[in-house]
């Protein structure tokens, strides 16, 4: 009964540990799922973000960068206004100026857009990695607790088995001693009965 009580206590403590770790494990699963979605891992759920950060920074990322787009449009507008004010609106010089402006801006802004992309990527991925790490830690904690519980229950069962076996051995020894004593007494009595003059 003591072994059964000890096992029940072990199981109750393990259930409490599981309940305490569950929110962290769930947060880890959520973070991991979102991280996998952004990295394009697992099943494609057809969301716009699936695989968003799976590849290298490319021209489509550069062209989608809001900083580059804004600067380009505002700069081109200023250039056109300047050319129009000088009476060179749609002239060869105006087109050449717009072309030089666009090439120069693209060259300067590519590195800036790349850096913004990396910062944004890190800002989205790092917290998810942290959540996934929390989930892994919670799972590791529960794995250790489960192993300890299994080991302790196994020891309790072994001790209960040893106690039971010890009781059987004790009973068998007592019975053997009683039988042995009875047989010895019987043999002794018979021996005495066979003695002359008894």
N, C-alpha and C. Protein backbone atom coordinates (compact mmCIF):
# COMPACT_ATOMS: atom_id res chain seq x y z
N UNK A 1 0.83 -1.20 0.00
CA UNK A 1 0.00 0.00 0.00
C UNK A 1 0.87 1.26 0.00
N UNK A 2 2.00 1.19 0.74
CA UNK A 2 2.91 2.34 0.78
C UNK A 2 3.45 2.63 -0.61
N UNK A 3 3.78 1.58 -1.37
CA UNK A 3 4.29 1.76 -2.73
C UNK A 3 3.22 2.38 -3.62
N UNK A 4 1.97 1.93 -3.47
CA UNK A 4 0.87 2.49 -4.25
C UNK A 4 0.67 3.97 -3.93
N UNK A 5 0.74 4.30 -2.64
CA UNK A 5 0.60 5.70 -2.22
C UNK A 5 1.72 6.56 -2.78
N UNK A 6 2.95 6.02 -2.74
CA UNK A 6 4.10 6.75 -3.27
C UNK A 6 3.94 6.98 -4.78
N UNK A 7 3.46 5.97 -5.49
CA UNK A 7 3.24 6.11 -6.93
C UNK A 7 2.19 7.16 -7.23
N UNK A 8 1.12 7.16 -6.46
CA UNK A 8 0.05 8.15 -6.67
C UNK A 8 0.58 9.56 -6.42
N UNK A 9 1.43 9.71 -5.41
CA UNK A 9 2.03 11.02 -5.14
C UNK A 9 2.91 11.46 -6.29
N UNK A 10 3.73 10.53 -6.79
CA UNK A 10 4.61 10.84 -7.93
C UNK A 10 3.77 11.29 -9.13
N UNK A 11 2.72 10.57 -9.43
CA UNK A 11 1.87 10.91 -10.57
C UNK A 11 1.17 12.26 -10.39
N UNK A 12 0.73 12.54 -9.18
CA UNK A 12 0.06 13.82 -8.90
C UNK A 12 1.04 14.99 -9.08
N UNK A 13 2.26 14.83 -8.59
CA UNK A 13 3.28 15.88 -8.75
C UNK A 13 3.61 16.07 -10.22
N UNK A 14 3.71 14.98 -10.97
CA UNK A 14 4.00 15.08 -12.41
C UNK A 14 2.88 15.83 -13.13
N UNK A 15 1.63 15.56 -12.77
CA UNK A 15 0.50 16.27 -13.39
C UNK A 15 0.56 17.76 -13.08
N UNK A 16 0.96 18.11 -11.86
CA UNK A 16 1.09 19.53 -11.50
C UNK A 16 2.22 20.18 -12.31
N UNK A 17 3.35 19.47 -12.45
CA UNK A 17 4.45 20.00 -13.25
C UNK A 17 4.02 20.20 -14.70
N UNK A 18 3.28 19.24 -15.23
CA UNK A 18 2.80 19.34 -16.61
C UNK A 18 1.89 20.56 -16.77
N UNK A 19 1.00 20.78 -15.82
CA UNK A 19 0.08 21.93 -15.90
C UNK A 19 0.85 23.24 -15.84
N UNK A 20 1.89 23.31 -14.99
CA UNK A 20 2.67 24.53 -14.88
C UNK A 20 3.48 24.82 -16.14
N UNK A 21 3.96 23.78 -16.81
CA UNK A 21 4.80 23.95 -18.01
C UNK A 21 3.98 24.11 -19.29
N UNK A 22 2.71 23.74 -19.27
CA UNK A 22 1.90 23.71 -20.49
C UNK A 22 1.80 25.06 -21.21
N UNK A 23 1.61 26.19 -20.52
CA UNK A 23 1.53 27.46 -21.26
C UNK A 23 2.82 27.75 -22.04
N UNK A 24 3.96 27.41 -21.46
CA UNK A 24 5.24 27.66 -22.13
C UNK A 24 5.42 26.71 -23.32
N UNK A 25 4.97 25.49 -23.14
CA UNK A 25 5.05 24.52 -24.24
C UNK A 25 4.15 24.96 -25.40
N UNK A 26 2.94 25.43 -25.08
CA UNK A 26 2.02 25.91 -26.11
C UNK A 26 2.57 27.15 -26.83
N UNK A 27 3.17 28.07 -26.06
CA UNK A 27 3.78 29.26 -26.68
C UNK A 27 4.90 28.83 -27.62
N UNK A 28 5.66 27.83 -27.22
CA UNK A 28 6.74 27.33 -28.07
C UNK A 28 6.21 26.73 -29.36
N UNK A 29 5.12 26.00 -29.27
CA UNK A 29 4.53 25.40 -30.47
C UNK A 29 4.02 26.49 -31.40
N UNK A 30 3.36 27.51 -30.82
CA UNK A 30 2.85 28.62 -31.63
C UNK A 30 3.99 29.36 -32.32
N UNK A 31 5.05 29.65 -31.56
CA UNK A 31 6.21 30.33 -32.14
C UNK A 31 6.87 29.51 -33.23
N UNK A 32 7.00 28.23 -32.98
CA UNK A 32 7.62 27.35 -33.98
C UNK A 32 6.78 27.28 -35.25
N UNK A 33 5.46 27.17 -35.10
CA UNK A 33 4.59 27.11 -36.28
C UNK A 33 4.70 28.38 -37.13
N UNK A 34 4.70 29.54 -36.47
CA UNK A 34 4.80 30.81 -37.20
C UNK A 34 6.18 30.93 -37.86
N UNK A 35 7.20 30.52 -37.14
CA UNK A 35 8.57 30.56 -37.68
C UNK A 35 8.68 29.67 -38.92
N UNK A 36 8.11 28.49 -38.83
CA UNK A 36 8.13 27.58 -39.98
C UNK A 36 7.37 28.18 -41.16
N UNK A 37 6.28 28.87 -40.87
CA UNK A 37 5.50 29.51 -41.94
C UNK A 37 6.35 30.58 -42.64
N UNK A 38 7.00 31.44 -41.86
CA UNK A 38 7.82 32.51 -42.44
C UNK A 38 9.02 31.97 -43.22
N UNK A 39 9.53 30.82 -42.77
CA UNK A 39 10.70 30.23 -43.45
C UNK A 39 10.30 29.28 -44.56
N UNK A 40 8.99 29.11 -44.77
CA UNK A 40 8.52 28.25 -45.85
C UNK A 40 8.73 26.78 -45.58
N UNK A 41 8.67 26.39 -44.32
CA UNK A 41 8.85 24.98 -43.94
C UNK A 41 7.50 24.37 -43.59
N UNK A 42 7.35 23.11 -43.85
CA UNK A 42 6.09 22.45 -43.55
C UNK A 42 5.12 22.60 -44.70
N UNK A 43 3.85 22.50 -44.36
CA UNK A 43 2.80 22.56 -45.37
C UNK A 43 2.48 24.00 -45.75
N UNK A 44 2.42 24.27 -47.05
CA UNK A 44 2.09 25.61 -47.53
C UNK A 44 0.62 25.88 -47.22
N UNK A 45 0.39 26.89 -46.39
CA UNK A 45 -0.98 27.23 -46.03
C UNK A 45 -1.56 28.33 -46.92
N UNK A 46 -0.87 28.63 -48.01
CA UNK A 46 -1.30 29.64 -49.00
C UNK A 46 -1.43 31.04 -48.42
N UNK A 47 -0.80 31.30 -47.27
CA UNK A 47 -0.83 32.65 -46.73
C UNK A 47 0.22 33.49 -47.46
N UNK A 48 0.02 34.78 -47.42
CA UNK A 48 0.95 35.70 -48.10
C UNK A 48 2.34 35.63 -47.47
N UNK A 49 2.41 35.26 -46.20
CA UNK A 49 3.70 35.22 -45.49
C UNK A 49 4.45 33.90 -45.65
N UNK A 50 3.82 32.89 -46.23
CA UNK A 50 4.49 31.58 -46.31
C UNK A 50 5.77 31.72 -47.13
N UNK A 51 6.90 31.41 -46.49
CA UNK A 51 8.20 31.48 -47.16
C UNK A 51 8.74 32.89 -47.32
N UNK A 52 8.15 33.84 -46.60
CA UNK A 52 8.56 35.25 -46.73
C UNK A 52 10.06 35.44 -46.52
N UNK A 53 10.63 34.69 -45.58
CA UNK A 53 12.06 34.82 -45.28
C UNK A 53 12.84 33.56 -45.63
N UNK A 54 12.34 32.80 -46.57
CA UNK A 54 13.00 31.55 -46.95
C UNK A 54 14.20 31.79 -47.85
N UNK A 55 14.16 32.84 -48.64
CA UNK A 55 15.24 33.07 -49.60
C UNK A 55 16.08 34.28 -49.25
N UNK A 56 17.02 34.56 -50.12
CA UNK A 56 17.87 35.73 -49.97
C UNK A 56 17.12 36.99 -50.35
N UNK A 57 17.62 38.11 -49.91
CA UNK A 57 17.08 39.42 -50.30
C UNK A 57 17.26 39.58 -51.80
N UNK A 58 16.18 39.90 -52.47
CA UNK A 58 16.23 40.01 -53.93
C UNK A 58 15.64 41.30 -54.44
N UNK A 59 15.62 41.41 -55.75
CA UNK A 59 15.13 42.63 -56.39
C UNK A 59 13.67 42.91 -56.05
N UNK A 60 12.86 41.88 -55.95
CA UNK A 60 11.45 42.12 -55.61
C UNK A 60 11.34 42.70 -54.20
N UNK A 61 12.22 42.26 -53.28
CA UNK A 61 12.22 42.82 -51.92
C UNK A 61 12.67 44.28 -51.98
N UNK A 62 13.66 44.56 -52.81
CA UNK A 62 14.17 45.93 -52.95
C UNK A 62 13.08 46.84 -53.51
N UNK A 63 12.42 46.37 -54.55
CA UNK A 63 11.39 47.19 -55.18
C UNK A 63 10.17 47.38 -54.27
N UNK A 64 9.94 46.43 -53.37
CA UNK A 64 8.81 46.55 -52.44
C UNK A 64 9.15 47.39 -51.21
N UNK A 65 10.43 47.74 -51.06
CA UNK A 65 10.85 48.52 -49.89
C UNK A 65 10.18 49.90 -49.91
N UNK A 66 9.43 50.25 -48.89
CA UNK A 66 8.71 51.52 -48.90
C UNK A 66 9.65 52.73 -48.88
N UNK A 67 10.81 52.60 -48.28
CA UNK A 67 11.75 53.72 -48.24
C UNK A 67 12.25 54.07 -49.63
N UNK A 68 12.61 53.04 -50.38
CA UNK A 68 13.11 53.28 -51.74
C UNK A 68 12.00 53.88 -52.60
N UNK A 69 10.82 53.32 -52.56
CA UNK A 69 9.70 53.78 -53.38
C UNK A 69 9.38 55.25 -53.08
N UNK A 70 9.34 55.60 -51.81
CA UNK A 70 9.03 56.97 -51.42
C UNK A 70 10.11 57.94 -51.92
N UNK A 71 11.37 57.60 -51.66
CA UNK A 71 12.45 58.48 -52.09
C UNK A 71 12.48 58.64 -53.61
N UNK A 72 12.25 57.52 -54.30
CA UNK A 72 12.27 57.59 -55.76
C UNK A 72 11.18 58.53 -56.29
N UNK A 73 9.98 58.35 -55.80
CA UNK A 73 8.85 59.18 -56.28
C UNK A 73 9.04 60.65 -55.93
N UNK A 74 9.45 60.91 -54.70
CA UNK A 74 9.64 62.30 -54.28
C UNK A 74 10.80 62.95 -55.03
N UNK A 75 11.87 62.22 -55.22
CA UNK A 75 13.03 62.75 -55.94
C UNK A 75 12.70 63.01 -57.40
N UNK A 76 11.97 62.11 -58.02
CA UNK A 76 11.58 62.27 -59.42
C UNK A 76 10.64 63.47 -59.58
N UNK A 77 9.75 63.64 -58.61
CA UNK A 77 8.83 64.77 -58.65
C UNK A 77 9.62 66.08 -58.56
N UNK A 78 10.59 66.13 -57.66
CA UNK A 78 11.41 67.34 -57.51
C UNK A 78 12.22 67.60 -58.77
N UNK A 79 12.77 66.53 -59.36
CA UNK A 79 13.54 66.67 -60.60
C UNK A 79 12.65 67.19 -61.73
N UNK A 80 11.47 66.62 -61.87
CA UNK A 80 10.54 67.07 -62.92
C UNK A 80 10.13 68.52 -62.72
N UNK A 81 9.87 68.90 -61.48
CA UNK A 81 9.50 70.29 -61.19
C UNK A 81 10.65 71.24 -61.54
N UNK A 82 11.85 70.81 -61.20
CA UNK A 82 13.02 71.63 -61.51
C UNK A 82 13.20 71.78 -63.01
N UNK A 83 13.07 70.67 -63.75
CA UNK A 83 13.23 70.70 -65.20
C UNK A 83 12.12 71.53 -65.84
N UNK A 84 10.91 71.39 -65.34
CA UNK A 84 9.78 72.14 -65.89
C UNK A 84 9.97 73.64 -65.64
N UNK A 85 10.49 73.99 -64.49
CA UNK A 85 10.71 75.40 -64.16
C UNK A 85 11.73 76.03 -65.10
N UNK A 86 12.65 75.22 -65.59
CA UNK A 86 13.67 75.73 -66.51
C UNK A 86 13.25 75.55 -67.97
N UNK A 87 12.05 75.03 -68.16
CA UNK A 87 11.55 74.84 -69.51
C UNK A 87 12.12 73.62 -70.20
N UNK A 88 12.59 72.63 -69.43
CA UNK A 88 13.19 71.42 -70.01
C UNK A 88 12.37 70.18 -69.67
N UNK A 89 11.06 70.30 -69.47
CA UNK A 89 10.18 69.23 -69.02
C UNK A 89 10.42 67.88 -69.65
N UNK A 90 10.04 67.68 -70.90
CA UNK A 90 10.15 66.38 -71.55
C UNK A 90 11.27 66.45 -72.60
N UNK A 91 12.34 67.04 -72.26
CA UNK A 91 13.46 67.18 -73.19
C UNK A 91 14.44 66.03 -72.99
N UNK A 92 15.40 65.93 -73.84
CA UNK A 92 16.46 64.93 -73.70
C UNK A 92 17.22 65.11 -72.41
N UNK A 93 17.46 66.37 -72.05
CA UNK A 93 18.17 66.64 -70.80
C UNK A 93 17.32 66.20 -69.60
N UNK A 94 16.02 66.41 -69.68
CA UNK A 94 15.12 66.01 -68.60
C UNK A 94 15.09 64.50 -68.44
N UNK A 95 15.04 63.79 -69.57
CA UNK A 95 15.03 62.32 -69.53
C UNK A 95 16.36 61.80 -69.01
N UNK A 96 17.44 62.39 -69.46
CA UNK A 96 18.76 61.98 -69.01
C UNK A 96 18.91 62.23 -67.51
N UNK A 97 18.43 63.36 -67.04
CA UNK A 97 18.50 63.68 -65.61
C UNK A 97 17.70 62.70 -64.78
N UNK A 98 16.51 62.34 -65.27
CA UNK A 98 15.67 61.37 -64.55
C UNK A 98 16.34 60.01 -64.50
N UNK A 99 16.97 59.63 -65.59
CA UNK A 99 17.65 58.34 -65.67
C UNK A 99 18.84 58.31 -64.71
N UNK A 100 19.62 59.35 -64.69
CA UNK A 100 20.78 59.41 -63.79
C UNK A 100 20.32 59.41 -62.33
N UNK A 101 19.26 60.16 -62.08
CA UNK A 101 18.73 60.21 -60.71
C UNK A 101 18.29 58.81 -60.26
N UNK A 102 17.51 58.13 -61.13
CA UNK A 102 17.00 56.80 -60.77
C UNK A 102 18.12 55.80 -60.54
N UNK A 103 19.15 55.82 -61.38
CA UNK A 103 20.27 54.88 -61.22
C UNK A 103 21.07 55.18 -59.95
N UNK A 104 21.31 56.46 -59.72
CA UNK A 104 22.06 56.84 -58.51
C UNK A 104 21.31 56.48 -57.25
N UNK A 105 20.01 56.75 -57.23
CA UNK A 105 19.21 56.43 -56.06
C UNK A 105 19.15 54.92 -55.83
N UNK A 106 18.98 54.17 -56.90
CA UNK A 106 18.91 52.71 -56.78
C UNK A 106 20.20 52.17 -56.18
N UNK A 107 21.32 52.70 -56.65
CA UNK A 107 22.61 52.24 -56.14
C UNK A 107 22.76 52.57 -54.66
N UNK A 108 22.38 53.77 -54.28
CA UNK A 108 22.51 54.18 -52.87
C UNK A 108 21.51 53.44 -51.98
N UNK A 109 20.32 53.26 -52.46
CA UNK A 109 19.25 52.72 -51.63
C UNK A 109 19.26 51.21 -51.50
N UNK A 110 19.94 50.50 -52.38
CA UNK A 110 19.91 49.05 -52.31
C UNK A 110 20.43 48.57 -50.94
N UNK A 111 21.57 49.11 -50.51
CA UNK A 111 22.14 48.71 -49.22
C UNK A 111 21.21 49.10 -48.08
N UNK A 112 20.62 50.29 -48.16
CA UNK A 112 19.68 50.71 -47.11
C UNK A 112 18.46 49.78 -47.05
N UNK A 113 17.94 49.42 -48.23
CA UNK A 113 16.77 48.53 -48.27
C UNK A 113 17.15 47.15 -47.72
N UNK A 114 18.34 46.67 -48.06
CA UNK A 114 18.81 45.38 -47.56
C UNK A 114 18.90 45.42 -46.03
N UNK A 115 19.46 46.49 -45.50
CA UNK A 115 19.58 46.61 -44.04
C UNK A 115 18.21 46.66 -43.37
N UNK A 116 17.28 47.40 -43.96
CA UNK A 116 15.91 47.45 -43.39
C UNK A 116 15.26 46.07 -43.42
N UNK A 117 15.49 45.36 -44.51
CA UNK A 117 14.94 44.00 -44.66
C UNK A 117 15.49 43.09 -43.54
N UNK A 118 16.79 43.16 -43.32
CA UNK A 118 17.42 42.31 -42.30
C UNK A 118 16.92 42.66 -40.90
N UNK A 119 16.78 43.95 -40.62
CA UNK A 119 16.28 44.37 -39.31
C UNK A 119 14.84 43.88 -39.12
N UNK A 120 14.02 44.05 -40.15
CA UNK A 120 12.63 43.61 -40.08
C UNK A 120 12.55 42.10 -39.91
N UNK A 121 13.38 41.38 -40.66
CA UNK A 121 13.43 39.91 -40.58
C UNK A 121 13.80 39.49 -39.16
N UNK A 122 14.84 40.11 -38.61
CA UNK A 122 15.27 39.78 -37.25
C UNK A 122 14.18 40.11 -36.23
N UNK A 123 13.52 41.25 -36.43
CA UNK A 123 12.46 41.65 -35.50
C UNK A 123 11.29 40.67 -35.50
N UNK A 124 11.07 40.00 -36.60
CA UNK A 124 9.98 39.03 -36.67
C UNK A 124 10.43 37.63 -36.25
N UNK A 125 11.63 37.24 -36.65
CA UNK A 125 12.07 35.86 -36.41
C UNK A 125 12.62 35.66 -35.00
N UNK A 126 13.39 36.61 -34.47
CA UNK A 126 14.02 36.42 -33.16
C UNK A 126 13.02 36.15 -32.03
N UNK A 127 11.91 36.91 -31.93
CA UNK A 127 10.95 36.58 -30.86
C UNK A 127 10.33 35.19 -31.03
N UNK A 128 10.14 34.79 -32.29
CA UNK A 128 9.57 33.45 -32.53
C UNK A 128 10.57 32.37 -32.13
N UNK A 129 11.84 32.61 -32.39
CA UNK A 129 12.87 31.65 -31.97
C UNK A 129 12.92 31.57 -30.45
N UNK A 130 12.75 32.70 -29.80
CA UNK A 130 12.73 32.72 -28.34
C UNK A 130 11.56 31.91 -27.79
N UNK A 131 10.37 32.10 -28.40
CA UNK A 131 9.20 31.32 -27.98
C UNK A 131 9.41 29.83 -28.21
N UNK A 132 9.96 29.49 -29.37
CA UNK A 132 10.22 28.08 -29.66
C UNK A 132 11.21 27.51 -28.64
N UNK A 133 12.18 28.33 -28.24
CA UNK A 133 13.15 27.89 -27.22
C UNK A 133 12.48 27.66 -25.87
N UNK A 134 11.52 28.53 -25.52
CA UNK A 134 10.77 28.33 -24.27
C UNK A 134 10.03 27.00 -24.31
N UNK A 135 9.41 26.73 -25.44
CA UNK A 135 8.68 25.48 -25.59
C UNK A 135 9.59 24.28 -25.47
N UNK A 136 10.78 24.39 -26.07
CA UNK A 136 11.74 23.29 -25.98
C UNK A 136 12.21 23.09 -24.54
N UNK A 137 12.45 24.19 -23.83
CA UNK A 137 12.86 24.09 -22.42
C UNK A 137 11.77 23.43 -21.57
N UNK A 138 10.51 23.84 -21.81
CA UNK A 138 9.40 23.25 -21.07
C UNK A 138 9.30 21.76 -21.36
N UNK A 139 9.47 21.39 -22.62
CA UNK A 139 9.40 19.98 -23.00
C UNK A 139 10.54 19.20 -22.36
N UNK A 140 11.75 19.79 -22.34
CA UNK A 140 12.89 19.13 -21.70
C UNK A 140 12.65 18.94 -20.21
N UNK A 141 12.05 19.95 -19.58
CA UNK A 141 11.74 19.85 -18.15
C UNK A 141 10.76 18.70 -17.90
N UNK A 142 9.72 18.62 -18.73
CA UNK A 142 8.73 17.55 -18.56
C UNK A 142 9.32 16.19 -18.87
N UNK A 143 10.21 16.13 -19.84
CA UNK A 143 10.86 14.85 -20.16
C UNK A 143 11.67 14.37 -18.97
N UNK A 144 12.41 15.29 -18.34
CA UNK A 144 13.19 14.93 -17.15
C UNK A 144 12.29 14.49 -16.00
N UNK A 145 11.20 15.23 -15.81
CA UNK A 145 10.26 14.89 -14.72
C UNK A 145 9.62 13.53 -14.98
N UNK A 146 9.28 13.26 -16.22
CA UNK A 146 8.68 11.96 -16.56
C UNK A 146 9.68 10.83 -16.31
N UNK A 147 10.93 11.07 -16.67
CA UNK A 147 11.96 10.05 -16.43
C UNK A 147 12.15 9.79 -14.95
N UNK A 148 12.17 10.86 -14.15
CA UNK A 148 12.31 10.70 -12.70
C UNK A 148 11.11 9.95 -12.12
N UNK A 149 9.92 10.32 -12.59
CA UNK A 149 8.72 9.66 -12.09
C UNK A 149 8.76 8.18 -12.43
N UNK A 150 9.13 7.85 -13.66
CA UNK A 150 9.20 6.44 -14.05
C UNK A 150 10.21 5.68 -13.21
N UNK A 151 11.36 6.30 -12.98
CA UNK A 151 12.40 5.65 -12.18
C UNK A 151 11.91 5.43 -10.74
N UNK A 152 11.27 6.46 -10.17
CA UNK A 152 10.80 6.35 -8.79
C UNK A 152 9.68 5.32 -8.66
N UNK A 153 8.77 5.30 -9.62
CA UNK A 153 7.69 4.30 -9.57
C UNK A 153 8.28 2.90 -9.71
N UNK A 154 9.25 2.75 -10.60
CA UNK A 154 9.92 1.45 -10.75
C UNK A 154 10.57 1.00 -9.45
N UNK A 155 11.24 1.95 -8.76
CA UNK A 155 11.86 1.62 -7.47
C UNK A 155 10.81 1.25 -6.43
N UNK A 156 9.69 1.99 -6.42
CA UNK A 156 8.61 1.68 -5.48
C UNK A 156 8.06 0.28 -5.73
N UNK A 157 7.87 -0.05 -6.99
CA UNK A 157 7.35 -1.38 -7.33
C UNK A 157 8.36 -2.47 -6.97
N UNK A 158 9.64 -2.20 -7.20
CA UNK A 158 10.67 -3.17 -6.83
C UNK A 158 10.70 -3.38 -5.32
N UNK A 159 10.63 -2.28 -4.58
CA UNK A 159 10.63 -2.40 -3.12
C UNK A 159 9.38 -3.13 -2.63
N UNK A 160 8.24 -2.87 -3.26
CA UNK A 160 7.02 -3.58 -2.87
C UNK A 160 7.17 -5.07 -3.18
N UNK A 161 7.76 -5.38 -4.34
CA UNK A 161 8.00 -6.79 -4.69
C UNK A 161 8.96 -7.45 -3.71
N UNK A 162 10.01 -6.72 -3.33
CA UNK A 162 10.98 -7.27 -2.35
C UNK A 162 10.31 -7.50 -1.00
N UNK A 163 9.46 -6.54 -0.60
CA UNK A 163 8.76 -6.70 0.68
C UNK A 163 7.83 -7.91 0.64
N UNK A 164 7.12 -8.06 -0.49
CA UNK A 164 6.22 -9.20 -0.64
C UNK A 164 7.02 -10.51 -0.64
N UNK A 165 8.12 -10.51 -1.39
CA UNK A 165 8.96 -11.72 -1.44
C UNK A 165 9.53 -12.04 -0.07
N UNK A 166 9.93 -10.97 0.64
CA UNK A 166 10.48 -11.17 1.97
C UNK A 166 9.43 -11.80 2.89
N UNK A 167 8.19 -11.35 2.74
CA UNK A 167 7.11 -11.94 3.54
C UNK A 167 6.90 -13.41 3.19
N UNK A 168 6.94 -13.72 1.88
CA UNK A 168 6.80 -15.12 1.46
C UNK A 168 7.94 -15.96 2.00
N UNK A 169 9.16 -15.42 1.91
CA UNK A 169 10.34 -16.17 2.39
C UNK A 169 10.24 -16.37 3.90
N UNK A 170 9.81 -15.30 4.59
CA UNK A 170 9.65 -15.43 6.05
C UNK A 170 8.62 -16.48 6.40
N UNK A 171 7.49 -16.49 5.67
CA UNK A 171 6.45 -17.48 5.93
C UNK A 171 6.96 -18.88 5.61
N UNK A 172 7.67 -18.98 4.49
CA UNK A 172 8.21 -20.30 4.10
C UNK A 172 9.22 -20.78 5.13
N UNK A 173 10.07 -19.88 5.62
CA UNK A 173 11.07 -20.26 6.64
C UNK A 173 10.38 -20.70 7.92
N UNK A 174 9.34 -19.96 8.31
CA UNK A 174 8.62 -20.33 9.53
C UNK A 174 7.97 -21.69 9.36
N UNK A 175 7.36 -21.93 8.19
CA UNK A 175 6.72 -23.21 7.93
C UNK A 175 7.77 -24.33 7.90
N UNK A 176 8.90 -24.04 7.24
CA UNK A 176 9.98 -25.03 7.17
C UNK A 176 10.49 -25.36 8.57
N UNK A 177 10.69 -24.31 9.37
CA UNK A 177 11.18 -24.53 10.74
C UNK A 177 10.16 -25.32 11.55
N UNK A 178 8.87 -25.00 11.37
CA UNK A 178 7.83 -25.72 12.11
C UNK A 178 7.78 -27.18 11.68
N UNK A 179 7.82 -27.41 10.36
CA UNK A 179 7.81 -28.78 9.86
C UNK A 179 9.05 -29.55 10.32
N UNK A 180 10.19 -28.85 10.20
CA UNK A 180 11.44 -29.49 10.61
C UNK A 180 11.40 -29.85 12.09
N UNK A 181 10.89 -28.88 12.89
CA UNK A 181 10.79 -29.15 14.33
C UNK A 181 9.82 -30.29 14.61
N UNK A 182 8.69 -30.30 13.89
CA UNK A 182 7.71 -31.37 14.07
C UNK A 182 8.27 -32.72 13.66
N UNK A 183 8.97 -32.73 12.51
CA UNK A 183 9.56 -34.01 12.04
C UNK A 183 10.62 -34.48 13.03
N UNK A 184 11.45 -33.56 13.48
CA UNK A 184 12.49 -33.93 14.45
C UNK A 184 11.86 -34.47 15.74
N UNK A 185 10.79 -33.83 16.16
CA UNK A 185 10.13 -34.30 17.37
C UNK A 185 9.52 -35.68 17.14
N UNK A 186 8.89 -35.86 15.95
CA UNK A 186 8.29 -37.14 15.63
C UNK A 186 9.36 -38.23 15.56
N UNK A 187 10.46 -37.93 14.88
CA UNK A 187 11.55 -38.90 14.75
C UNK A 187 12.12 -39.21 16.13
N UNK A 188 12.29 -38.17 16.92
CA UNK A 188 12.82 -38.37 18.27
C UNK A 188 11.88 -39.23 19.12
N UNK A 189 10.59 -38.98 18.98
CA UNK A 189 9.60 -39.74 19.74
C UNK A 189 9.59 -41.19 19.29
N UNK A 190 9.68 -41.40 17.97
CA UNK A 190 9.69 -42.77 17.44
C UNK A 190 10.95 -43.48 17.88
N UNK A 191 12.03 -42.74 17.88
CA UNK A 191 13.30 -43.35 18.30
C UNK A 191 13.20 -43.77 19.76
N UNK A 192 12.59 -42.93 20.54
CA UNK A 192 12.47 -43.26 21.96
C UNK A 192 11.51 -44.44 22.16
N UNK A 193 10.48 -44.55 21.34
CA UNK A 193 9.52 -45.64 21.46
C UNK A 193 10.18 -46.96 21.09
N UNK A 194 11.13 -46.90 20.18
CA UNK A 194 11.81 -48.12 19.75
C UNK A 194 12.90 -48.52 20.73
N UNK A 195 13.15 -47.75 21.70
CA UNK A 195 14.21 -48.07 22.68
C UNK A 195 13.67 -49.12 23.65
N UNK A 196 14.55 -50.06 23.98
CA UNK A 196 14.09 -51.06 24.94
C UNK A 196 13.79 -50.45 26.32
N UNK A 197 12.80 -50.84 26.87
CA UNK A 197 12.41 -50.39 28.19
C UNK A 197 11.61 -49.11 28.19
N UNK A 198 11.20 -48.64 27.08
CA UNK A 198 10.41 -47.41 27.06
C UNK A 198 8.99 -47.76 27.19
